[in-house]
Amino acid sequence: PESQLLQITPFDPGNLQAIASAIRDNPALGLNPSDDGRVVRVRIP
């Protein structure tokens, strides 16, 4: 949605935490996702 932001919309909201954890736990990316209960947002530093 913005040049410094990724937005991940899960097909099943039950996978929201798993998606956020997978992104957070990937050391190559070094990103810190946040979720609002519907989507995961990842700000790119």
All heavy atoms as atom14 arrays in JSON, in Angstrom:
{
  "sequence": "PESQLLQITPFDPGNLQAIASAIRDNPALGLNPSDDGRVVRVRIP",
  "atom14_mask": [
    [1, 1, 1, 1, 1, 1, 1, 0, 0, 0, 0, 0, 0, 0],
    [1, 1, 1, 1, 1, 1, 1, 1, 1, 0, 0, 0, 0, 0],
    [1, 1, 1, 1, 1, 1, 0, 0, 0, 0, 0, 0, 0, 0],
    [1, 1, 1, 1, 1, 1, 1, 1, 1, 0, 0, 0, 0, 0],
    [1, 1, 1, 1, 1, 1, 1, 1, 0, 0, 0, 0, 0, 0],
    [1, 1, 1, 1, 1, 1, 1, 1, 0, 0, 0, 0, 0, 0],
    [1, 1, 1, 1, 1, 1, 1, 1, 1, 0, 0, 0, 0, 0],
    [1, 1, 1, 1, 1, 1, 1, 1, 0, 0, 0, 0, 0, 0],
    [1, 1, 1, 1, 1, 1, 1, 0, 0, 0, 0, 0, 0, 0],
    [1, 1, 1, 1, 1, 1, 1, 0, 0, 0, 0, 0, 0, 0],
    [1, 1, 1, 1, 1, 1, 1, 1, 1, 1, 1, 0, 0, 0],
    [1, 1, 1, 1, 1, 1, 1, 1, 0, 0, 0, 0, 0, 0],
    [1, 1, 1, 1, 1, 1, 1, 0, 0, 0, 0, 0, 0, 0],
    [1, 1, 1, 1, 0, 0, 0, 0, 0, 0, 0, 0, 0, 0],
    [1, 1, 1, 1, 1, 1, 1, 1, 0, 0, 0, 0, 0, 0],
    [1, 1, 1, 1, 1, 1, 1, 1, 0, 0, 0, 0, 0, 0],
    [1, 1, 1, 1, 1, 1, 1, 1, 1, 0, 0, 0, 0, 0],
    [1, 1, 1, 1, 1, 0, 0, 0, 0, 0, 0, 0, 0, 0],
    [1, 1, 1, 1, 1, 1, 1, 1, 0, 0, 0, 0, 0, 0],
    [1, 1, 1, 1, 1, 0, 0, 0, 0, 0, 0, 0, 0, 0],
    [1, 1, 1, 1, 1, 1, 0, 0, 0, 0, 0, 0, 0, 0],
    [1, 1, 1, 1, 1, 0, 0, 0, 0, 0, 0, 0, 0, 0],
    [1, 1, 1, 1, 1, 1, 1, 1, 0, 0, 0, 0, 0, 0],
    [1, 1, 1, 1, 1, 1, 1, 1, 1, 1, 1, 0, 0, 0],
    [1, 1, 1, 1, 1, 1, 1, 1, 0, 0, 0, 0, 0, 0],
    [1, 1, 1, 1, 1, 1, 1, 1, 0, 0, 0, 0, 0, 0],
    [1, 1, 1, 1, 1, 1, 1, 0, 0, 0, 0, 0, 0, 0],
    [1, 1, 1, 1, 1, 0, 0, 0, 0, 0, 0, 0, 0, 0],
    [1, 1, 1, 1, 1, 1, 1, 1, 0, 0, 0, 0, 0, 0],
    [1, 1, 1, 1, 0, 0, 0, 0, 0, 0, 0, 0, 0, 0],
    [1, 1, 1, 1, 1, 1, 1, 1, 0, 0, 0, 0, 0, 0],
    [1, 1, 1, 1, 1, 1, 1, 1, 0, 0, 0, 0, 0, 0],
    [1, 1, 1, 1, 1, 1, 1, 0, 0, 0, 0, 0, 0, 0],
    [1, 1, 1, 1, 1, 1, 0, 0, 0, 0, 0, 0, 0, 0],
    [1, 1, 1, 1, 1, 1, 1, 1, 0, 0, 0, 0, 0, 0],
    [1, 1, 1, 1, 1, 1, 1, 1, 0, 0, 0, 0, 0, 0],
    [1, 1, 1, 1, 0, 0, 0, 0, 0, 0, 0, 0, 0, 0],
    [1, 1, 1, 1, 1, 1, 1, 1, 1, 1, 1, 0, 0, 0],
    [1, 1, 1, 1, 1, 1, 1, 0, 0, 0, 0, 0, 0, 0],
    [1, 1, 1, 1, 1, 1, 1, 0, 0, 0, 0, 0, 0, 0],
    [1, 1, 1, 1, 1, 1, 1, 1, 1, 1, 1, 0, 0, 0],
    [1, 1, 1, 1, 1, 1, 1, 0, 0, 0, 0, 0, 0, 0],
    [1, 1, 1, 1, 1, 1, 1, 1, 1, 1, 1, 0, 0, 0],
    [1, 1, 1, 1, 1, 1, 1, 1, 0, 0, 0, 0, 0, 0],
    [1, 1, 1, 1, 1, 1, 1, 0, 0, 0, 0, 0, 0, 0]
  ],
  "atom14_positions": [
    [[0.81, -1.22, 0.0], [0.0, 0.0, 0.0], [0.85, 1.28, 0.0], [0.41, 2.31, -0.47], [-0.83, -0.11, 1.28], [-0.1, -1.07, 2.14], [0.68, -1.97, 1.23], [0.0, 0.0, 0.0], [0.0, 0.0, 0.0], [0.0, 0.0, 0.0], [0.0, 0.0, 0.0], [0.0, 0.0, 0.0], [0.0, 0.0, 0.0], [0.0, 0.0, 0.0]],
    [[2.07, 1.22, 0.54], [3.0, 2.35, 0.57], [4.38, 1.84, 0.2], [4.64, 0.64, 0.27], [3.08, 2.96, 1.98], [1.79, 3.51, 2.51], [1.93, 3.94, 3.97], [3.07, 4.18, 4.42], [0.91, 4.0, 4.64], [0.0, 0.0, 0.0], [0.0, 0.0, 0.0], [0.0, 0.0, 0.0], [0.0, 0.0, 0.0], [0.0, 0.0, 0.0]],
    [[5.29, 2.74, -0.13], [6.62, 2.31, -0.57], [7.44, 1.67, 0.56], [8.38, 0.93, 0.28], [7.4, 3.48, -1.15], [7.67, 4.44, -0.14], [0.0, 0.0, 0.0], [0.0, 0.0, 0.0], [0.0, 0.0, 0.0], [0.0, 0.0, 0.0], [0.0, 0.0, 0.0], [0.0, 0.0, 0.0], [0.0, 0.0, 0.0], [0.0, 0.0, 0.0]],
    [[7.1, 1.91, 1.8], [7.84, 1.35, 2.93], [7.0, 0.37, 3.75], [7.32, 0.1, 4.9], [8.32, 2.47, 3.87], [9.25, 3.47, 3.23], [10.58, 2.89, 2.83], [10.83, 2.66, 1.67], [11.42, 2.62, 3.79], [0.0, 0.0, 0.0], [0.0, 0.0, 0.0], [0.0, 0.0, 0.0], [0.0, 0.0, 0.0], [0.0, 0.0, 0.0]],
    [[5.91, -0.16, 3.16], [5.01, -1.01, 3.93], [4.52, -2.2, 3.11], [4.12, -2.04, 1.96], [3.8, -0.19, 4.39], [2.76, -0.9, 5.25], [3.31, -1.16, 6.64], [1.48, -0.08, 5.33], [0.0, 0.0, 0.0], [0.0, 0.0, 0.0], [0.0, 0.0, 0.0], [0.0, 0.0, 0.0], [0.0, 0.0, 0.0], [0.0, 0.0, 0.0]],
    [[4.58, -3.38, 3.71], [3.99, -4.58, 3.12], [2.74, -4.91, 3.92], [2.75, -4.81, 5.15], [4.95, -5.77, 3.2], [6.17, -5.76, 2.31], [7.11, -6.9, 2.68], [5.77, -5.87, 0.86], [0.0, 0.0, 0.0], [0.0, 0.0, 0.0], [0.0, 0.0, 0.0], [0.0, 0.0, 0.0], [0.0, 0.0, 0.0], [0.0, 0.0, 0.0]],
    [[1.7, -5.33, 3.24], [0.47, -5.72, 3.92], [0.13, -7.14, 3.51], [0.01, -7.44, 2.33], [-0.67, -4.78, 3.55], [-1.96, -5.09, 4.26], [-2.98, -4.01, 4.04], [-2.73, -2.84, 4.27], [-4.16, -4.41, 3.57], [0.0, 0.0, 0.0], [0.0, 0.0, 0.0], [0.0, 0.0, 0.0], [0.0, 0.0, 0.0], [0.0, 0.0, 0.0]],
    [[0.02, -8.03, 4.49], [-0.28, -9.44, 4.24], [-1.69, -9.72, 4.74], [-1.97, -9.57, 5.93], [0.74, -10.37, 4.93], [2.15, -10.08, 4.42], [0.42, -11.82, 4.67], [2.98, -9.29, 5.36], [0.0, 0.0, 0.0], [0.0, 0.0, 0.0], [0.0, 0.0, 0.0], [0.0, 0.0, 0.0], [0.0, 0.0, 0.0], [0.0, 0.0, 0.0]],
    [[-2.56, -10.14, 3.83], [-3.95, -10.45, 4.19], [-4.14, -11.95, 4.09], [-4.12, -12.52, 3.0], [-4.93, -9.74, 3.23], [-4.59, -8.35, 3.17], [-6.36, -9.9, 3.7], [0.0, 0.0, 0.0], [0.0, 0.0, 0.0], [0.0, 0.0, 0.0], [0.0, 0.0, 0.0], [0.0, 0.0, 0.0], [0.0, 0.0, 0.0], [0.0, 0.0, 0.0]],
    [[-4.31, -12.64, 5.24], [-4.47, -14.1, 5.2], [-5.83, -14.5, 4.63], [-6.82, -13.79, 4.8], [-4.34, -14.52, 6.66], [-4.62, -13.3, 7.45], [-4.32, -12.12, 6.59], [0.0, 0.0, 0.0], [0.0, 0.0, 0.0], [0.0, 0.0, 0.0], [0.0, 0.0, 0.0], [0.0, 0.0, 0.0], [0.0, 0.0, 0.0], [0.0, 0.0, 0.0]],
    [[-5.85, -15.64, 3.94], [-7.12, -16.18, 3.44], [-7.98, -16.66, 4.61], [-9.18, -16.56, 4.58], [-6.87, -17.33, 2.47], [-6.03, -16.94, 1.27], [-5.01, -17.75, 0.82], [-6.27, -15.75, 0.59], [-4.25, -17.39, -0.27], [-5.51, -15.38, -0.51], [-4.49, -16.21, -0.94], [0.0, 0.0, 0.0], [0.0, 0.0, 0.0], [0.0, 0.0, 0.0]],
    [[-7.3, -17.18, 5.65], [-7.97, -17.65, 6.86], [-7.41, -16.84, 8.03], [-6.21, -16.95, 8.34], [-7.71, -19.15, 7.06], [-8.28, -19.69, 8.35], [-8.99, -18.96, 9.06], [-8.02, -20.87, 8.66], [0.0, 0.0, 0.0], [0.0, 0.0, 0.0], [0.0, 0.0, 0.0], [0.0, 0.0, 0.0], [0.0, 0.0, 0.0], [0.0, 0.0, 0.0]],
    [[-8.22, -16.02, 8.71], [-7.71, -15.2, 9.82], [-7.04, -16.01, 10.93], [-6.26, -15.48, 11.7], [-8.96, -14.49, 10.35], [-9.92, -14.51, 9.21], [-9.63, -15.76, 8.45], [0.0, 0.0, 0.0], [0.0, 0.0, 0.0], [0.0, 0.0, 0.0], [0.0, 0.0, 0.0], [0.0, 0.0, 0.0], [0.0, 0.0, 0.0], [0.0, 0.0, 0.0]],
    [[-7.33, -17.3, 11.0], [-6.7, -18.15, 12.01], [-5.2, -18.31, 11.81], [-4.48, -18.72, 12.72], [0.0, 0.0, 0.0], [0.0, 0.0, 0.0], [0.0, 0.0, 0.0], [0.0, 0.0, 0.0], [0.0, 0.0, 0.0], [0.0, 0.0, 0.0], [0.0, 0.0, 0.0], [0.0, 0.0, 0.0], [0.0, 0.0, 0.0], [0.0, 0.0, 0.0]],
    [[-4.71, -18.0, 10.61], [-3.28, -18.12, 10.32], [-2.51, -16.83, 10.57], [-1.31, -16.77, 10.32], [-3.08, -18.54, 8.86], [-3.55, -19.95, 8.61], [-3.48, -20.8, 9.47], [-4.04, -20.19, 7.4], [0.0, 0.0, 0.0], [0.0, 0.0, 0.0], [0.0, 0.0, 0.0], [0.0, 0.0, 0.0], [0.0, 0.0, 0.0], [0.0, 0.0, 0.0]],
    [[-3.17, -15.82, 11.07], [-2.56, -14.51, 11.27], [-1.3, -14.58, 12.13], [-0.25, -14.06, 11.74], [-3.6, -13.57, 11.9], [-3.33, -12.09, 11.78], [-3.42, -11.67, 10.34], [-4.33, -11.32, 12.61], [0.0, 0.0, 0.0], [0.0, 0.0, 0.0], [0.0, 0.0, 0.0], [0.0, 0.0, 0.0], [0.0, 0.0, 0.0], [0.0, 0.0, 0.0]],
    [[-1.4, -15.23, 13.29], [-0.25, -15.32, 14.2], [0.89, -16.13, 13.58], [2.06, -15.79, 13.74], [-0.68, -15.94, 15.54], [-1.6, -15.06, 16.35], [-0.98, -13.71, 16.66], [0.18, -13.61, 16.98], [-1.78, -12.66, 16.53], [0.0, 0.0, 0.0], [0.0, 0.0, 0.0], [0.0, 0.0, 0.0], [0.0, 0.0, 0.0], [0.0, 0.0, 0.0]],
    [[0.55, -17.21, 12.87], [1.58, -18.04, 12.23], [2.34, -17.25, 11.17], [3.56, -17.38, 11.04], [0.95, -19.29, 11.62], [0.0, 0.0, 0.0], [0.0, 0.0, 0.0], [0.0, 0.0, 0.0], [0.0, 0.0, 0.0], [0.0, 0.0, 0.0], [0.0, 0.0, 0.0], [0.0, 0.0, 0.0], [0.0, 0.0, 0.0], [0.0, 0.0, 0.0]],
    [[1.62, -16.41, 10.42], [2.26, -15.59, 9.39], [3.2, -14.58, 10.03], [4.36, -14.43, 9.62], [1.19, -14.88, 8.52], [0.44, -15.91, 7.69], [1.82, -13.82, 7.64], [-0.8, -15.36, 6.99], [0.0, 0.0, 0.0], [0.0, 0.0, 0.0], [0.0, 0.0, 0.0], [0.0, 0.0, 0.0], [0.0, 0.0, 0.0], [0.0, 0.0, 0.0]],
    [[2.72, -13.89, 11.06], [3.54, -12.89, 11.76], [4.78, -13.55, 12.36], [5.89, -13.02, 12.25], [2.73, -12.2, 12.84], [0.0, 0.0, 0.0], [0.0, 0.0, 0.0], [0.0, 0.0, 0.0], [0.0, 0.0, 0.0], [0.0, 0.0, 0.0], [0.0, 0.0, 0.0], [0.0, 0.0, 0.0], [0.0, 0.0, 0.0], [0.0, 0.0, 0.0]],
    [[4.62, -14.73, 12.94], [5.76, -15.43, 13.54], [6.77, -15.86, 12.48], [7.99, -15.75, 12.69], [5.29, -16.67, 14.3], [4.47, -16.3, 15.37], [0.0, 0.0, 0.0], [0.0, 0.0, 0.0], [0.0, 0.0, 0.0], [0.0, 0.0, 0.0], [0.0, 0.0, 0.0], [0.0, 0.0, 0.0], [0.0, 0.0, 0.0], [0.0, 0.0, 0.0]],
    [[6.29, -16.35, 11.35], [7.19, -16.81, 10.28], [8.05, -15.65, 9.77], [9.24, -15.82, 9.52], [6.39, -17.43, 9.14], [0.0, 0.0, 0.0], [0.0, 0.0, 0.0], [0.0, 0.0, 0.0], [0.0, 0.0, 0.0], [0.0, 0.0, 0.0], [0.0, 0.0, 0.0], [0.0, 0.0, 0.0], [0.0, 0.0, 0.0], [0.0, 0.0, 0.0]],
    [[7.46, -14.48, 9.63], [8.21, -13.31, 9.16], [9.19, -12.84, 10.23], [10.35, -12.56, 9.95], [7.25, -12.17, 8.75], [6.42, -12.61, 7.54], [8.02, -10.89, 8.45], [5.26, -11.69, 7.21], [0.0, 0.0, 0.0], [0.0, 0.0, 0.0], [0.0, 0.0, 0.0], [0.0, 0.0, 0.0], [0.0, 0.0, 0.0], [0.0, 0.0, 0.0]],
    [[8.72, -12.78, 11.47], [9.56, -12.33, 12.58], [10.74, -13.27, 12.81], [11.85, -12.83, 13.12], [8.72, -12.24, 13.86], [9.42, -11.57, 15.02], [8.52, -11.41, 16.23], [7.36, -10.56, 15.95], [6.1, -11.01, 15.92], [5.83, -12.27, 16.15], [5.11, -10.18, 15.66], [0.0, 0.0, 0.0], [0.0, 0.0, 0.0], [0.0, 0.0, 0.0]],
    [[10.52, -14.57, 12.66], [11.55, -15.57, 12.96], [12.55, -15.77, 11.83], [13.48, -16.56, 11.98], [10.9, -16.91, 13.31], [10.06, -16.82, 14.58], [10.25, -15.85, 15.34], [9.22, -17.7, 14.8], [0.0, 0.0, 0.0], [0.0, 0.0, 0.0], [0.0, 0.0, 0.0], [0.0, 0.0, 0.0], [0.0, 0.0, 0.0], [0.0, 0.0, 0.0]],
    [[12.38, -15.09, 10.68], [13.32, -15.24, 9.57], [14.46, -14.24, 9.76], [14.29, -13.03, 9.56], [12.6, -14.99, 8.24], [13.48, -15.32, 7.06], [14.65, -15.02, 7.04], [12.88, -15.94, 6.07], [0.0, 0.0, 0.0], [0.0, 0.0, 0.0], [0.0, 0.0, 0.0], [0.0, 0.0, 0.0], [0.0, 0.0, 0.0], [0.0, 0.0, 0.0]],
    [[15.67, -14.73, 10.15], [16.78, -13.82, 10.43], [17.3, -13.08, 9.2], [17.86, -12.0, 9.3], [17.86, -14.73, 11.02], [17.54, -16.09, 10.5], [16.05, -16.13, 10.31], [0.0, 0.0, 0.0], [0.0, 0.0, 0.0], [0.0, 0.0, 0.0], [0.0, 0.0, 0.0], [0.0, 0.0, 0.0], [0.0, 0.0, 0.0], [0.0, 0.0, 0.0]],
    [[17.11, -13.64, 8.01], [17.6, -13.0, 6.79], [16.84, -11.7, 6.5], [17.39, -10.77, 5.92], [17.48, -13.95, 5.61], [0.0, 0.0, 0.0], [0.0, 0.0, 0.0], [0.0, 0.0, 0.0], [0.0, 0.0, 0.0], [0.0, 0.0, 0.0], [0.0, 0.0, 0.0], [0.0, 0.0, 0.0], [0.0, 0.0, 0.0], [0.0, 0.0, 0.0]],
    [[15.58, -11.64, 6.91], [14.78, -10.45, 6.64], [15.0, -9.37, 7.69], [15.1, -8.19, 7.36], [13.29, -10.82, 6.61], [12.82, -11.66, 5.44], [11.37, -12.05, 5.61], [13.02, -10.91, 4.14], [0.0, 0.0, 0.0], [0.0, 0.0, 0.0], [0.0, 0.0, 0.0], [0.0, 0.0, 0.0], [0.0, 0.0, 0.0], [0.0, 0.0, 0.0]],
    [[15.04, -9.76, 8.94], [15.21, -8.79, 10.02], [14.04, -7.81, 10.12], [14.23, -6.63, 10.38], [0.0, 0.0, 0.0], [0.0, 0.0, 0.0], [0.0, 0.0, 0.0], [0.0, 0.0, 0.0], [0.0, 0.0, 0.0], [0.0, 0.0, 0.0], [0.0, 0.0, 0.0], [0.0, 0.0, 0.0], [0.0, 0.0, 0.0], [0.0, 0.0, 0.0]],
    [[12.82, -8.31, 9.9], [11.64, -7.47, 9.93], [10.79, -7.77, 11.15], [10.81, -8.88, 11.67], [10.81, -7.68, 8.65], [11.51, -7.36, 7.34], [10.66, -7.77, 6.16], [11.84, -5.87, 7.26], [0.0, 0.0, 0.0], [0.0, 0.0, 0.0], [0.0, 0.0, 0.0], [0.0, 0.0, 0.0], [0.0, 0.0, 0.0], [0.0, 0.0, 0.0]],
    [[10.02, -6.76, 11.58], [9.17, -6.92, 12.75], [7.72, -6.63, 12.36], [7.31, -5.48, 12.32], [9.63, -5.98, 13.87], [8.94, -6.31, 15.18], [8.41, -7.41, 15.36], [8.94, -5.34, 16.08], [0.0, 0.0, 0.0], [0.0, 0.0, 0.0], [0.0, 0.0, 0.0], [0.0, 0.0, 0.0], [0.0, 0.0, 0.0], [0.0, 0.0, 0.0]],
    [[6.94, -7.68, 12.08], [5.55, -7.47, 11.66], [4.63, -7.14, 12.83], [4.92, -7.47, 13.98], [5.17, -8.83, 11.05], [6.03, -9.8, 11.77], [7.32, -9.08, 12.08], [0.0, 0.0, 0.0], [0.0, 0.0, 0.0], [0.0, 0.0, 0.0], [0.0, 0.0, 0.0], [0.0, 0.0, 0.0], [0.0, 0.0, 0.0], [0.0, 0.0, 0.0]],
    [[3.53, -6.46, 12.5], [2.49, -6.21, 13.51], [1.16, -6.58, 12.88], [0.99, -6.5, 11.67], [2.49, -4.74, 13.93], [2.19, -3.92, 12.82], [0.0, 0.0, 0.0], [0.0, 0.0, 0.0], [0.0, 0.0, 0.0], [0.0, 0.0, 0.0], [0.0, 0.0, 0.0], [0.0, 0.0, 0.0], [0.0, 0.0, 0.0], [0.0, 0.0, 0.0]],
    [[0.21, -7.02, 13.72], [-1.1, -7.37, 13.17], [-2.2, -6.68, 13.96], [-2.04, -6.37, 15.13], [-1.3, -8.9, 13.15], [-1.45, -9.49, 14.53], [-2.59, -9.49, 15.04], [-0.44, -9.96, 15.09], [0.0, 0.0, 0.0], [0.0, 0.0, 0.0], [0.0, 0.0, 0.0], [0.0, 0.0, 0.0], [0.0, 0.0, 0.0], [0.0, 0.0, 0.0]],
    [[-3.3, -6.43, 13.26], [-4.43, -5.76, 13.89], [-5.63, -6.68, 14.01], [-6.75, -6.23, 14.22], [-4.8, -4.49, 13.12], [-5.28, -4.77, 11.71], [-5.39, -5.96, 11.33], [-5.55, -3.8, 10.97], [0.0, 0.0, 0.0], [0.0, 0.0, 0.0], [0.0, 0.0, 0.0], [0.0, 0.0, 0.0], [0.0, 0.0, 0.0], [0.0, 0.0, 0.0]],
    [[-5.42, -7.97, 13.85], [-6.51, -8.93, 13.94], [-7.07, -9.34, 12.59], [-7.76, -10.33, 12.48], [0.0, 0.0, 0.0], [0.0, 0.0, 0.0], [0.0, 0.0, 0.0], [0.0, 0.0, 0.0], [0.0, 0.0, 0.0], [0.0, 0.0, 0.0], [0.0, 0.0, 0.0], [0.0, 0.0, 0.0], [0.0, 0.0, 0.0], [0.0, 0.0, 0.0]],
    [[-6.78, -8.57, 11.54], [-7.25, -8.9, 10.2], [-6.11, -9.02, 9.2], [-6.14, -9.86, 8.32], [-8.23, -7.84, 9.7], [-9.54, -7.79, 10.47], [-10.38, -6.66, 9.97], [-9.49, -5.49, 9.91], [-9.74, -4.38, 9.26], [-10.83, -4.25, 8.6], [-8.9, -3.38, 9.26], [0.0, 0.0, 0.0], [0.0, 0.0, 0.0], [0.0, 0.0, 0.0]],
    [[-5.13, -8.12, 9.31], [-3.99, -8.12, 8.38], [-2.68, -7.99, 9.16], [-2.67, -7.51, 10.3], [-4.07, -6.98, 7.34], [-5.26, -7.15, 6.42], [-4.08, -5.63, 8.01], [0.0, 0.0, 0.0], [0.0, 0.0, 0.0], [0.0, 0.0, 0.0], [0.0, 0.0, 0.0], [0.0, 0.0, 0.0], [0.0, 0.0, 0.0], [0.0, 0.0, 0.0]],
    [[-1.59, -8.42, 8.52], [-0.26, -8.25, 9.08], [0.41, -7.13, 8.3], [0.41, -7.14, 7.06], [0.57, -9.55, 8.96], [1.99, -9.33, 9.46], [-0.09, -10.69, 9.71], [0.0, 0.0, 0.0], [0.0, 0.0, 0.0], [0.0, 0.0, 0.0], [0.0, 0.0, 0.0], [0.0, 0.0, 0.0], [0.0, 0.0, 0.0], [0.0, 0.0, 0.0]],
    [[0.94, -6.17, 9.03], [1.66, -5.08, 8.37], [3.14, -5.18, 8.73], [3.48, -5.39, 9.89], [1.1, -3.73, 8.8], [-0.28, -3.48, 8.24], [-0.74, -2.05, 8.52], [-2.04, -1.83, 7.91], [-3.19, -2.16, 8.47], [-3.22, -2.7, 9.66], [-4.33, -1.92, 7.84], [0.0, 0.0, 0.0], [0.0, 0.0, 0.0], [0.0, 0.0, 0.0]],
    [[3.98, -4.99, 7.71], [5.42, -5.04, 7.93], [6.01, -3.73, 7.41], [6.01, -3.47, 6.21], [6.07, -6.23, 7.18], [7.56, -6.28, 7.46], [5.4, -7.54, 7.56], [0.0, 0.0, 0.0], [0.0, 0.0, 0.0], [0.0, 0.0, 0.0], [0.0, 0.0, 0.0], [0.0, 0.0, 0.0], [0.0, 0.0, 0.0], [0.0, 0.0, 0.0]],
    [[6.49, -2.92, 8.34], [7.14, -1.67, 7.96], [8.58, -1.99, 7.56], [9.29, -2.69, 8.27], [7.12, -0.71, 9.15], [7.7, 0.59, 8.82], [6.89, 1.84, 8.94], [5.47, 1.88, 8.98], [4.72, 2.42, 8.01], [5.27, 2.86, 6.91], [3.42, 2.52, 8.14], [0.0, 0.0, 0.0], [0.0, 0.0, 0.0], [0.0, 0.0, 0.0]],
    [[8.98, -1.51, 6.38], [10.34, -1.74, 5.89], [11.2, -0.57, 6.33], [10.97, 0.57, 5.9], [10.35, -1.85, 4.34], [9.35, -2.9, 3.86], [11.75, -2.14, 3.83], [9.61, -4.3, 4.33], [0.0, 0.0, 0.0], [0.0, 0.0, 0.0], [0.0, 0.0, 0.0], [0.0, 0.0, 0.0], [0.0, 0.0, 0.0], [0.0, 0.0, 0.0]],
    [[12.21, -0.84, 7.19], [13.04, 0.27, 7.66], [13.93, 0.79, 6.52], [14.3, 0.04, 5.63], [13.89, -0.36, 8.77], [13.86, -1.81, 8.51], [12.59, -2.11, 7.77], [0.0, 0.0, 0.0], [0.0, 0.0, 0.0], [0.0, 0.0, 0.0], [0.0, 0.0, 0.0], [0.0, 0.0, 0.0], [0.0, 0.0, 0.0], [0.0, 0.0, 0.0]]
  ]
}
